Structure formats: structure tokens, C-alpha cells
């Protein structure tokens, strides 16, 4: 009695900068898009832009570059924000431009 556990998979592309897998949103047509031969499927764009969640760079990708990855997609990491700069008044007077 053997039980096979299915590994989760997701569709995505490989980042052109850092080579990390980027999950593709469901609105983007996959390799099956356009295979039914309908006119509306042929009009859809075959190029889309994605931003990598690791290096935060955005590049255009083609629908034929979409592949299946094993595992779960990495969560989007937001960069830590620096503390806001505190501006101190200079002697109570503001600086004016020369006229």
C-alpha cells in the first residue's frame, strides 16, 4: 500500500536578473491559451510584464516562457522603509531663493 503525496505546483517564469521563480497571475494566458484556435485567443498579447518579488526588477516575458514549478511560490517581501528624515528649522527662518 503506497500513497503518493502530491507536491504543490505553480505556473511561473524565471526572473531574468536573479533567476528566481516568479508566479504568473491567472489572468495571463498559459501555454494552453490560443490552442483552441478561436479568433479572440489569437488577438491576446503574448508578452506581459512581471516584477520579481526577490530583486524587485520588472521585465517583459513571453507566454511560451511559462513553466511549472514544484513547491509554493515565495511570498512577496516588501523592503523595510527607512525612518523619515526630520527637518529642523534653521534659526526660525526659512531660506529664500535669490531674486
Protein backbone atom coordinates (compact mmCIF):
# COMPACT_ATOMS: atom_id res chain seq x y z
CA UNK A 1 0.00 0.00 0.00
CA UNK A 2 1.84 3.04 -1.25
CA UNK A 3 0.48 6.52 -1.01
CA UNK A 4 1.88 9.18 -3.20
CA UNK A 5 1.75 12.69 -1.87
CA UNK A 6 1.17 15.33 -4.49
CA UNK A 7 3.60 18.18 -4.35
CA UNK A 8 2.06 21.58 -4.88
CA UNK A 9 2.99 23.20 -8.17
CA UNK A 10 2.53 26.66 -9.63
CA UNK A 11 2.97 28.22 -13.04
CA UNK A 12 5.57 30.92 -13.42
CA UNK A 13 8.61 32.27 -15.23
CA UNK A 14 12.28 32.52 -14.29
CA UNK A 15 13.48 36.03 -13.38
CA UNK A 16 15.90 37.35 -16.00
CA UNK A 17 18.00 39.07 -13.30
CA UNK A 18 18.21 36.80 -10.24
CA UNK A 19 16.84 33.52 -11.72
CA UNK A 20 14.17 33.23 -9.00
CA UNK A 21 10.78 31.74 -9.94
CA UNK A 22 8.05 34.37 -10.38
CA UNK A 23 4.44 33.14 -10.14
CA UNK A 24 2.25 34.14 -13.07
CA UNK A 25 -1.18 35.66 -12.30
CA UNK A 26 -4.20 33.72 -13.50
CA UNK A 27 -5.18 36.49 -15.92
CA UNK A 28 -2.09 35.77 -18.04
CA UNK A 29 -2.74 33.08 -20.62
CA UNK A 30 -0.62 29.98 -20.28
CA UNK A 31 0.74 27.62 -22.90
CA UNK A 32 -2.79 26.32 -23.47
CA UNK A 33 -4.07 29.78 -24.44
CA UNK A 34 -4.76 30.02 -28.13
CA UNK A 35 -4.73 26.27 -28.65
CA UNK A 36 -8.47 26.21 -29.32
CA UNK A 37 -7.95 28.29 -32.47
CA UNK A 38 -10.55 30.96 -31.71
CA UNK A 39 -10.10 34.43 -33.07
CA UNK A 40 -10.19 36.09 -29.62
CA UNK A 41 -7.42 33.81 -28.36
CA UNK A 42 -5.22 34.79 -31.29
CA UNK A 43 -5.63 38.51 -30.55
CA UNK A 44 -4.41 38.23 -26.96
CA UNK A 45 -0.97 39.60 -26.25
CA UNK A 46 1.75 37.02 -25.93
CA UNK A 47 4.01 39.35 -23.93
CA UNK A 48 3.39 40.51 -20.36
CA UNK A 49 5.36 42.37 -17.68
CA UNK A 50 6.10 40.91 -14.25
CA UNK A 51 8.01 42.26 -11.26
CA UNK A 52 10.22 39.85 -9.33
CA UNK A 53 9.45 39.61 -5.62
CA UNK A 54 13.13 38.97 -4.80
CA UNK A 55 15.07 41.61 -6.74
CA UNK A 56 12.08 43.95 -7.44
CA UNK A 57 13.02 44.38 -11.12
CA UNK A 58 10.40 44.31 -13.84
CA UNK A 59 10.88 42.75 -17.26
CA UNK A 60 8.71 41.61 -20.18
CA UNK A 61 8.15 37.85 -20.52
CA UNK A 62 6.52 35.74 -23.24
CA UNK A 63 3.72 33.28 -22.63
CA UNK A 64 5.87 30.48 -24.04
CA UNK A 65 8.37 31.05 -21.17
CA UNK A 66 5.79 29.91 -18.59
CA UNK A 67 6.79 26.65 -16.89
CA UNK A 68 5.57 24.53 -13.97
CA UNK A 69 7.50 24.88 -10.69
CA UNK A 70 7.31 22.48 -7.76
CA UNK A 71 6.54 23.85 -4.33
CA UNK A 72 4.72 27.01 -3.37
CA UNK A 73 5.51 30.49 -4.68
CA UNK A 74 7.65 32.70 -2.47
CA UNK A 75 5.77 35.36 -0.56
CA UNK A 76 6.22 38.92 -1.71
CA UNK A 77 8.74 40.61 0.51
CA UNK A 78 8.40 44.35 0.91
CA UNK A 79 11.60 46.26 1.59
CA UNK A 80 11.88 47.84 5.01
CA UNK A 81 11.26 51.53 4.93
CA UNK A 82 13.80 53.89 6.40
CA UNK A 83 12.74 56.23 9.15
CA UNK A 84 11.54 59.58 7.80
CA UNK A 85 14.03 62.40 7.85
CA UNK A 86 13.30 65.03 10.46
CA UNK A 87 13.74 68.58 9.21
CA UNK A 88 14.88 71.11 11.75
CA UNK A 89 14.26 74.82 11.24
CA UNK A 90 17.41 76.88 10.71
CA UNK A 91 17.23 79.68 13.21
CA UNK A 92 13.48 80.00 12.78
CA UNK A 93 13.87 81.47 9.28
CA UNK A 94 13.30 79.72 6.04
CA UNK A 95 15.72 80.07 3.19
CA UNK A 96 14.51 82.09 0.23
CA UNK A 97 15.69 81.96 -3.34
CA UNK A 98 17.65 84.90 -4.64
CA UNK A 99 15.51 87.17 -6.73
